């Protein structure tokens, strides 16, 4: 499954301009940006996947083009998909990335698989 390479370039530029250490990993058919070894945000097809503070999750869903992330038939609290119109402008993309970065220090790490 392909993902939006132009969106990847834009996201990478934002992180580099903020001097954030990150790792971009291909996963779930898209691209995931890891900050401090935690999923921070990513790209699935042409949408941004954002991991935001669960405290602002419900309010964020009221924004046109912001939708719950639902891979398994159950919404994941704190994870949203953002359509192109929500992140079309650079300021808007930077705003959502900032929300993800602000929550990242409080986000739980996923369990490491034993080898």
Protein backbone atom coordinates (compact mmCIF):
# COMPACT_ATOMS: atom_id res chain seq x y z
CA UNK A 1 0.00 0.00 0.00
CA UNK A 2 1.42 3.34 -1.02
CA UNK A 3 1.39 6.52 1.06
CA UNK A 4 1.57 10.20 0.13
CA UNK A 5 5.25 11.02 -0.48
CA UNK A 6 4.60 14.76 -0.62
CA UNK A 7 2.99 14.63 2.82
CA UNK A 8 6.04 12.68 4.02
CA UNK A 9 8.33 15.47 2.76
CA UNK A 10 6.21 18.13 4.48
CA UNK A 11 6.13 16.26 7.80
CA UNK A 12 9.86 15.62 7.72
CA UNK A 13 10.55 19.31 7.04
CA UNK A 14 8.44 20.33 10.07
CA UNK A 15 10.30 17.93 12.37
CA UNK A 16 13.69 18.96 11.02
CA UNK A 17 12.86 22.66 11.43
CA UNK A 18 11.94 21.96 15.08
CA UNK A 19 15.14 19.93 15.49
CA UNK A 20 13.18 16.90 16.72
CA UNK A 21 14.95 13.54 16.81
CA UNK A 22 12.71 11.04 15.04
CA UNK A 23 12.68 7.81 13.13
CA UNK A 24 10.35 7.20 10.18
CA UNK A 25 9.28 3.55 9.98
CA UNK A 26 7.16 1.83 7.38
CA UNK A 27 4.34 0.00 9.15
CA UNK A 28 0.64 -0.78 8.83
CA UNK A 29 0.87 -0.10 5.09
CA UNK A 30 1.97 3.46 5.72
CA UNK A 31 4.67 5.48 7.42
CA UNK A 32 4.96 6.10 11.14
CA UNK A 33 7.02 8.83 12.77
CA UNK A 34 8.52 7.63 16.03
CA UNK A 35 9.66 10.16 18.65
CA UNK A 36 11.35 8.83 21.80
CA UNK A 37 10.58 5.28 20.56
CA UNK A 38 6.83 6.04 20.62
CA UNK A 39 4.36 6.32 17.76
CA UNK A 40 3.77 10.07 17.38
CA UNK A 41 2.01 10.49 14.00
CA UNK A 42 2.10 9.04 10.53
CA UNK A 43 0.65 8.64 7.07
CA UNK A 44 -1.89 6.07 5.93
CA UNK A 45 -2.57 6.41 2.19
CA UNK A 46 -3.20 10.17 1.85
CA UNK A 47 -4.29 10.86 5.42
CA UNK A 48 -2.37 11.95 8.48
CA UNK A 49 -2.71 9.68 11.49
CA UNK A 50 -2.23 11.74 14.66
CA UNK A 51 -1.75 10.57 18.24
CA UNK A 52 -3.15 13.38 20.34
CA UNK A 53 -4.02 13.94 23.98
CA UNK A 54 -7.17 11.93 24.81
CA UNK A 55 -8.37 15.05 26.68
CA UNK A 56 -8.81 16.89 23.35
CA UNK A 57 -9.88 13.85 21.31
CA UNK A 58 -13.67 14.38 21.41
CA UNK A 59 -13.36 18.10 20.67
CA UNK A 60 -11.02 17.37 17.75
CA UNK A 61 -13.55 14.98 16.20
CA UNK A 62 -15.92 17.95 15.76
CA UNK A 63 -13.53 19.42 13.17
CA UNK A 64 -14.62 18.67 9.62
CA UNK A 65 -12.10 16.21 8.14
CA UNK A 66 -10.94 14.87 11.52
CA UNK A 67 -12.15 11.29 12.03
CA UNK A 68 -11.65 8.52 14.56
CA UNK A 69 -8.99 5.98 13.76
CA UNK A 70 -10.71 2.65 13.41
CA UNK A 71 -8.72 -0.31 12.09
CA UNK A 72 -10.42 -3.09 14.01
CA UNK A 73 -14.04 -1.99 14.26
CA UNK A 74 -13.32 -0.10 17.47
CA UNK A 75 -12.16 3.52 17.66
CA UNK A 76 -8.79 4.13 19.31
CA UNK A 77 -9.09 6.96 21.84
CA UNK A 78 -6.49 9.63 21.17
CA UNK A 79 -5.81 8.57 17.57
CA UNK A 80 -7.37 10.46 14.66
CA UNK A 81 -7.21 10.49 10.89
CA UNK A 82 -6.95 13.90 9.22
CA UNK A 83 -8.14 14.43 5.66
CA UNK A 84 -6.20 16.66 3.27
CA UNK A 85 -8.31 19.78 3.82
CA UNK A 86 -7.41 19.78 7.54
CA UNK A 87 -3.65 19.74 6.89
CA UNK A 88 -3.47 21.39 3.46
CA UNK A 89 -1.87 24.60 4.75
CA UNK A 90 1.59 24.42 6.30
CA UNK A 91 0.40 26.19 9.47
CA UNK A 92 -2.37 23.61 9.90
CA UNK A 93 -0.01 20.67 9.40
CA UNK A 94 2.43 22.19 11.88
CA UNK A 95 -0.41 22.70 14.39
CA UNK A 96 -1.38 19.01 14.32
CA UNK A 97 2.24 17.87 14.50
CA UNK A 98 2.70 20.17 17.51
CA UNK A 99 -0.33 18.57 19.21
CA UNK A 100 1.27 15.16 18.67
CA UNK A 101 4.66 16.32 19.95
CA UNK A 102 3.05 17.94 23.01
CA UNK A 103 1.35 14.66 23.95
CA UNK A 104 4.32 12.42 23.13
CA UNK A 105 6.13 12.75 26.51
CA UNK A 106 2.97 11.49 28.27
CA UNK A 107 2.16 8.77 25.73
CA UNK A 108 2.75 5.18 26.74
CA UNK A 109 5.32 3.17 24.82
CA UNK A 110 4.15 0.03 23.13
CA UNK A 111 5.35 -3.21 24.66
CA UNK A 112 8.60 -4.42 23.14
CA UNK A 113 8.43 -7.86 21.58
CA UNK A 114 10.76 -10.42 23.14
CA UNK A 115 13.22 -11.92 20.72
